[in-house]
Amino acid sequence: MLRVAALTALAMLAFAGNSLLCRVALRDSQLDPASFTAIRLVSGAVVLALLVALRRQGPIRGDWRSGLALFGYAAGFSFAYVELDAGAGALVLFGAVQASMIGYGWLKGERLGLKQLTGLGLAIGGLLYLLLPGASAPPPGAAGMMVLAGVSWAFYSLLGRGNSDPLAATAGNFLRSLPALLPLCALYYNHLSWDGPGAFYAVLSGALASGIGYAIWYAALPHLKAIQAASVQLSVPIIASVGGALLLGEILSLRLALASMAVLGGIALILLAKRRAG
């Protein structure tokens, strides 16, 4: 059980690390968001393909819809972090993912009880409070891009439910996301720029925080109950916020703190109510 806890903690650090690496690359280097997306997806695809090959337990899998959804997530994520702080971006991303998946369940006939509705209202209210105009509000365009990233990641997650070999599927999805980089880089050709530090951060994001991070997460996932797997991810925005403050000098505003408590508390309430209902 200690091994599972350690793997889970490492995976959450990797997920939060993606926010920190993307933010520092786009803030402190010459790397542009399209190039960050390209380097991240290519390096992630290489590492995941190598892991599948070394494992020798079957071919690379995946599908094109998941590959495009993965690309949508990665591109929206990168363009959002041009302006968003690490913690605020992670909170918007996480809130959008959970809201999208809950909304999908509702459209498919799942009904929420009073506690779940209360939690959903609290989470949505927290996000709206974060995004309200004001001195400490995130830029609306960047927040919109992160919402798009969250919806894409939710779609990617829903498509991947029931995969018998999630590591092989993820490797295949990363590979299938690469053709979409061609029109993206062509569209932003006049804005492409990079330097050594920026490229290094992008490789770390793709190879380490994404490729190795996902591999670690899939090693821990079979040993976690669904409620545990969902609940532990509540830590990612908090880790990103603390990391942003300690490593990047970002300010932990009162608005972000209150919004985080509302969003994460609301989602936790939904998850706990689901567990008791089950």
Protein backbone atom coordinates (compact mmCIF):
# COMPACT_ATOMS: atom_id res chain seq x y z
CA MET A 1 0.00 0.00 0.00
CA LEU A 2 2.96 2.31 0.66
CA ARG A 3 4.11 1.74 -2.92
CA VAL A 4 0.69 2.71 -4.27
CA ALA A 5 0.65 5.86 -2.13
CA ALA A 6 4.13 6.81 -3.35
CA LEU A 7 3.20 6.23 -7.00
CA THR A 8 0.02 8.25 -6.60
CA ALA A 9 1.88 11.14 -4.98
CA LEU A 10 4.48 11.13 -7.76
CA ALA A 11 1.74 11.15 -10.41
CA MET A 12 -0.01 14.15 -8.82
CA LEU A 13 3.32 15.99 -8.64
CA ALA A 14 3.83 15.24 -12.33
CA PHE A 15 0.37 16.53 -13.26
CA ALA A 16 0.94 19.75 -11.31
CA GLY A 17 4.45 19.92 -12.78
CA ASN A 18 2.96 20.28 -16.27
CA SER A 19 1.34 23.56 -15.21
CA LEU A 20 4.55 24.85 -13.66
CA LEU A 21 6.76 23.84 -16.60
CA CYS A 22 4.42 25.32 -19.18
CA ARG A 23 4.03 28.56 -17.28
CA VAL A 24 7.76 29.09 -16.70
CA ALA A 25 8.58 28.22 -20.32
CA LEU A 26 6.10 30.72 -21.74
CA ARG A 27 6.86 33.41 -19.18
CA ASP A 28 10.64 33.24 -18.86
CA SER A 29 11.88 31.98 -22.24
CA GLN A 30 11.46 32.76 -25.93
CA LEU A 31 9.36 29.65 -26.57
CA ASP A 32 5.92 30.28 -28.08
CA PRO A 33 2.81 28.21 -27.16
CA ALA A 34 2.59 26.39 -30.52
CA SER A 35 6.21 25.24 -30.22
CA PHE A 36 5.67 24.21 -26.60
CA THR A 37 2.68 22.10 -27.68
CA ALA A 38 4.69 20.47 -30.46
CA ILE A 39 7.73 19.66 -28.32
CA ARG A 40 5.57 18.38 -25.47
CA LEU A 41 3.51 16.03 -27.64
CA VAL A 42 6.49 14.75 -29.65
CA SER A 43 8.64 14.06 -26.58
CA GLY A 44 5.68 12.47 -24.78
CA ALA A 45 4.96 10.23 -27.77
CA VAL A 46 8.60 9.10 -27.96
CA VAL A 47 8.82 8.23 -24.25
CA LEU A 48 5.46 6.43 -24.16
CA ALA A 49 6.27 4.45 -27.31
CA LEU A 50 9.59 3.39 -25.76
CA LEU A 51 7.86 2.33 -22.54
CA VAL A 52 5.38 0.20 -24.47
CA ALA A 53 8.20 -1.35 -26.53
CA LEU A 54 10.29 -2.12 -23.44
CA ARG A 55 7.32 -3.69 -21.71
CA ARG A 56 6.83 -6.19 -24.58
CA GLN A 57 3.20 -6.89 -23.69
CA GLY A 58 1.39 -5.89 -26.85
CA PRO A 59 1.28 -3.26 -29.58
CA ILE A 60 0.57 0.45 -29.35
CA ARG A 61 -3.16 1.13 -29.44
CA GLY A 62 -5.27 4.30 -29.37
CA ASP A 63 -7.71 5.92 -31.82
CA TRP A 64 -7.93 9.10 -33.89
CA ARG A 65 -10.74 10.76 -31.94
CA SER A 66 -8.75 10.45 -28.74
CA GLY A 67 -5.64 11.75 -30.51
CA LEU A 68 -7.49 14.88 -31.65
CA ALA A 69 -8.97 15.38 -28.17
CA LEU A 70 -5.47 15.10 -26.69
CA PHE A 71 -4.21 17.68 -29.16
CA GLY A 72 -7.08 20.03 -28.24
CA TYR A 73 -6.19 19.71 -24.57
CA ALA A 74 -2.46 20.26 -25.11
CA ALA A 75 -2.92 23.26 -27.43
CA GLY A 76 -5.51 24.98 -25.25
CA PHE A 77 -3.34 24.35 -22.19
CA SER A 78 -0.29 25.95 -23.78
CA PHE A 79 -2.03 29.03 -25.17
CA ALA A 80 -3.84 29.61 -21.85
CA TYR A 81 -0.59 29.63 -19.87
CA VAL A 82 0.75 32.56 -21.84
CA GLU A 83 -1.22 34.71 -19.38
CA LEU A 84 -2.54 32.49 -16.59
CA ASP A 85 -0.66 31.81 -13.35
CA ALA A 86 0.03 28.14 -12.67
CA GLY A 87 -2.46 27.76 -9.80
CA ALA A 88 -5.33 29.63 -11.45
CA GLY A 89 -4.82 27.69 -14.68
CA ALA A 90 -4.83 24.32 -12.91
CA LEU A 91 -8.00 25.24 -11.02
CA VAL A 92 -9.86 26.33 -14.18
CA LEU A 93 -8.66 23.21 -16.01
CA PHE A 94 -9.66 20.85 -13.21
CA GLY A 95 -13.05 22.55 -12.73
CA ALA A 96 -13.80 22.39 -16.46
CA VAL A 97 -12.86 18.71 -16.65
CA GLN A 98 -15.08 17.73 -13.73
CA ALA A 99 -18.00 19.93 -14.83
CA SER A 100 -17.85 18.46 -18.34
CA MET A 101 -17.84 14.88 -17.09
CA ILE A 102 -20.67 15.54 -14.65
CA GLY A 103 -22.63 17.26 -17.44
CA TYR A 104 -22.06 14.29 -19.72
CA GLY A 105 -23.36 11.93 -17.05
CA TRP A 106 -26.45 14.11 -16.62
CA LEU A 107 -27.14 14.05 -20.36
CA LYS A 108 -26.86 10.27 -20.27
CA GLY A 109 -29.52 10.01 -17.59
CA GLU A 110 -27.54 10.24 -14.34
CA ARG A 111 -29.41 12.30 -11.77
CA LEU A 112 -27.82 14.27 -8.94
CA GLY A 113 -29.18 14.23 -5.41
CA LEU A 114 -29.45 17.29 -3.19
CA LYS A 115 -25.89 17.00 -1.85
CA GLN A 116 -24.50 16.54 -5.35
CA LEU A 117 -26.47 19.52 -6.68
CA THR A 118 -25.19 21.59 -3.75
CA GLY A 119 -21.63 20.54 -4.54
CA LEU A 120 -22.08 21.31 -8.23
CA GLY A 121 -23.49 24.75 -7.44
CA LEU A 122 -20.61 25.43 -5.06
CA ALA A 123 -18.01 24.39 -7.66
CA ILE A 124 -19.59 26.42 -10.47
CA GLY A 125 -19.97 29.39 -8.14
CA GLY A 126 -16.30 29.17 -7.22
CA LEU A 127 -15.23 29.19 -10.87
CA LEU A 128 -17.54 32.11 -11.67
CA TYR A 129 -16.16 34.02 -8.69
CA LEU A 130 -12.60 33.42 -9.90
CA LEU A 131 -13.49 34.64 -13.39
CA LEU A 132 -15.45 37.74 -12.36
CA PRO A 133 -13.86 40.97 -13.61
CA GLY A 134 -11.42 42.48 -11.13
CA ALA A 135 -7.79 43.21 -10.47
CA SER A 136 -6.97 39.60 -9.59
CA ALA A 137 -9.20 37.91 -12.16
CA PRO A 138 -7.48 35.81 -14.85
CA PRO A 139 -7.64 37.22 -18.40
CA PRO A 140 -10.92 36.03 -19.98
CA GLY A 141 -9.34 34.89 -23.25
CA ALA A 142 -6.74 32.77 -21.47
CA ALA A 143 -9.37 31.37 -19.10
CA GLY A 144 -11.51 30.47 -22.12
CA MET A 145 -8.61 28.58 -23.69
CA MET A 146 -8.13 26.63 -20.46
CA VAL A 147 -11.83 25.79 -20.34
CA LEU A 148 -11.46 24.46 -23.90
CA ALA A 149 -8.49 22.39 -22.72
CA GLY A 150 -10.56 21.02 -19.84
CA VAL A 151 -13.49 20.07 -22.09
CA SER A 152 -11.06 18.35 -24.48
CA TRP A 153 -9.45 16.42 -21.63
CA ALA A 154 -12.88 15.35 -20.34
CA PHE A 155 -13.79 14.12 -23.83
CA TYR A 156 -10.45 12.30 -24.02
CA SER A 157 -11.09 10.66 -20.64
CA LEU A 158 -14.61 9.59 -21.60
CA LEU A 159 -13.36 8.06 -24.84
CA GLY A 160 -10.72 6.11 -22.93
CA ARG A 161 -13.03 4.53 -20.36
CA GLY A 162 -12.68 0.78 -20.27
CA ASN A 163 -9.33 0.59 -22.06
CA SER A 164 -7.76 -2.75 -21.19
CA ASP A 165 -4.26 -1.33 -21.72
CA PRO A 166 -4.32 2.41 -20.94
CA LEU A 167 -0.55 2.86 -21.33
CA ALA A 168 -0.57 1.41 -24.86
CA ALA A 169 -3.67 3.47 -25.70
CA THR A 170 -2.08 6.66 -24.41
CA ALA A 171 1.07 6.03 -26.45
CA GLY A 172 -1.03 5.56 -29.56
CA ASN A 173 -3.09 8.66 -28.84
CA PHE A 174 0.04 10.77 -28.43
CA LEU A 175 1.31 9.51 -31.79
CA ARG A 176 -2.06 10.24 -33.44
CA SER A 177 -2.05 13.79 -32.05
CA LEU A 178 1.12 14.67 -33.97
CA PRO A 179 -0.38 15.29 -37.46
CA ALA A 180 -2.53 18.07 -36.00
CA LEU A 181 0.68 19.93 -35.12
CA LEU A 182 1.33 20.65 -38.80
CA PRO A 183 -1.63 23.03 -39.35
CA LEU A 184 -1.08 24.58 -35.91
CA CYS A 185 2.56 25.41 -36.63
CA ALA A 186 1.68 26.55 -40.16
CA LEU A 187 -0.98 28.89 -38.77
CA TYR A 188 1.47 30.39 -36.25
CA TYR A 189 4.54 30.15 -38.51
CA ASN A 190 5.37 33.86 -38.21
CA HIS A 191 5.20 33.64 -34.40
CA LEU A 192 7.27 30.49 -33.88
CA SER A 193 10.30 31.07 -31.66
CA TRP A 194 12.30 29.04 -29.21
CA ASP A 195 15.47 28.90 -27.17
CA GLY A 196 17.36 26.28 -25.17
CA PRO A 197 15.69 26.80 -21.77
CA GLY A 198 12.19 26.89 -23.26
CA ALA A 199 12.76 23.72 -25.27
CA PHE A 200 14.20 22.03 -22.16
CA TYR A 201 11.09 22.87 -20.13
CA ALA A 202 8.85 21.56 -22.93
CA VAL A 203 10.79 18.29 -23.15
CA LEU A 204 10.51 17.87 -19.38
CA SER A 205 6.77 18.48 -19.64
CA GLY A 206 6.32 15.95 -22.43
CA ALA A 207 8.81 13.25 -21.50
CA LEU A 208 8.78 13.43 -17.71
CA ALA A 209 5.58 15.09 -16.45
CA SER A 210 3.39 13.66 -19.23
CA GLY A 211 5.04 10.45 -20.47
CA ILE A 212 6.57 9.13 -17.24
CA GLY A 213 3.82 10.80 -15.17
CA TYR A 214 1.06 8.96 -17.02
CA ALA A 215 2.96 5.68 -16.80
CA ILE A 216 3.26 6.10 -13.02
CA TRP A 217 -0.42 7.00 -12.74
CA TYR A 218 -1.50 3.91 -14.69
CA ALA A 219 0.67 1.75 -12.43
CA ALA A 220 -1.16 3.11 -9.38
CA LEU A 221 -4.66 3.29 -10.88
CA PRO A 222 -5.56 -0.44 -10.73
CA HIS A 223 -4.99 -0.37 -6.97
CA LEU A 224 -7.27 2.64 -6.35
CA LYS A 225 -11.05 2.67 -6.10
CA ALA A 226 -12.81 5.03 -8.48
CA ILE A 227 -13.64 7.46 -5.68
CA GLN A 228 -10.01 7.45 -4.53
CA ALA A 229 -8.71 8.08 -8.04
CA ALA A 230 -11.09 10.99 -8.52
CA SER A 231 -10.57 12.48 -5.06
CA VAL A 232 -6.78 12.42 -5.08
CA GLN A 233 -6.74 14.61 -8.19
CA LEU A 234 -8.23 17.40 -6.07
CA SER A 235 -4.67 17.94 -4.87
CA VAL A 236 -3.35 18.98 -8.31
CA PRO A 237 -4.56 22.63 -8.32
CA ILE A 238 -3.34 23.05 -4.73
CA ILE A 239 0.11 21.65 -5.57
CA ALA A 240 0.28 23.90 -8.64
CA SER A 241 -0.71 26.98 -6.61
CA VAL A 242 1.86 26.31 -3.89
CA GLY A 243 4.52 25.46 -6.49
CA GLY A 244 3.73 28.63 -8.43
CA ALA A 245 4.16 30.70 -5.28
CA LEU A 246 7.37 29.00 -4.10
CA LEU A 247 9.12 28.40 -7.43
CA LEU A 248 7.75 31.05 -9.78
CA GLY A 249 7.07 33.91 -7.36
CA GLU A 250 3.34 33.97 -8.15
CA ILE A 251 0.95 35.59 -5.69
CA LEU A 252 -1.58 33.45 -3.83
CA SER A 253 -4.49 35.89 -3.93
CA LEU A 254 -7.47 35.76 -1.59
CA ARG A 255 -9.72 35.35 -4.62
CA LEU A 256 -7.83 32.25 -5.79
CA ALA A 257 -7.85 30.78 -2.27
CA LEU A 258 -11.61 31.26 -1.85
CA ALA A 259 -12.36 30.01 -5.36
CA SER A 260 -10.18 26.94 -4.77
CA MET A 261 -12.01 26.09 -1.55
CA ALA A 262 -15.38 26.43 -3.30
CA VAL A 263 -14.46 24.46 -6.43
CA LEU A 264 -12.53 21.67 -4.74
CA GLY A 265 -14.94 21.48 -1.82
CA GLY A 266 -17.92 21.29 -4.18
CA ILE A 267 -16.36 18.51 -6.25
CA ALA A 268 -15.40 16.62 -3.09
CA LEU A 269 -19.02 16.86 -1.93
CA ILE A 270 -20.21 15.38 -5.24
CA LEU A 271 -17.71 12.53 -5.02
CA LEU A 272 -18.58 11.70 -1.42
CA ALA A 273 -22.31 11.75 -2.18
CA LYS A 274 -21.74 9.39 -5.15
CA ARG A 275 -19.85 6.99 -2.94
CA ARG A 276 -22.61 6.89 -0.34
CA ALA A 277 -25.25 6.55 -3.03
CA GLY A 278 -23.34 3.62 -4.52
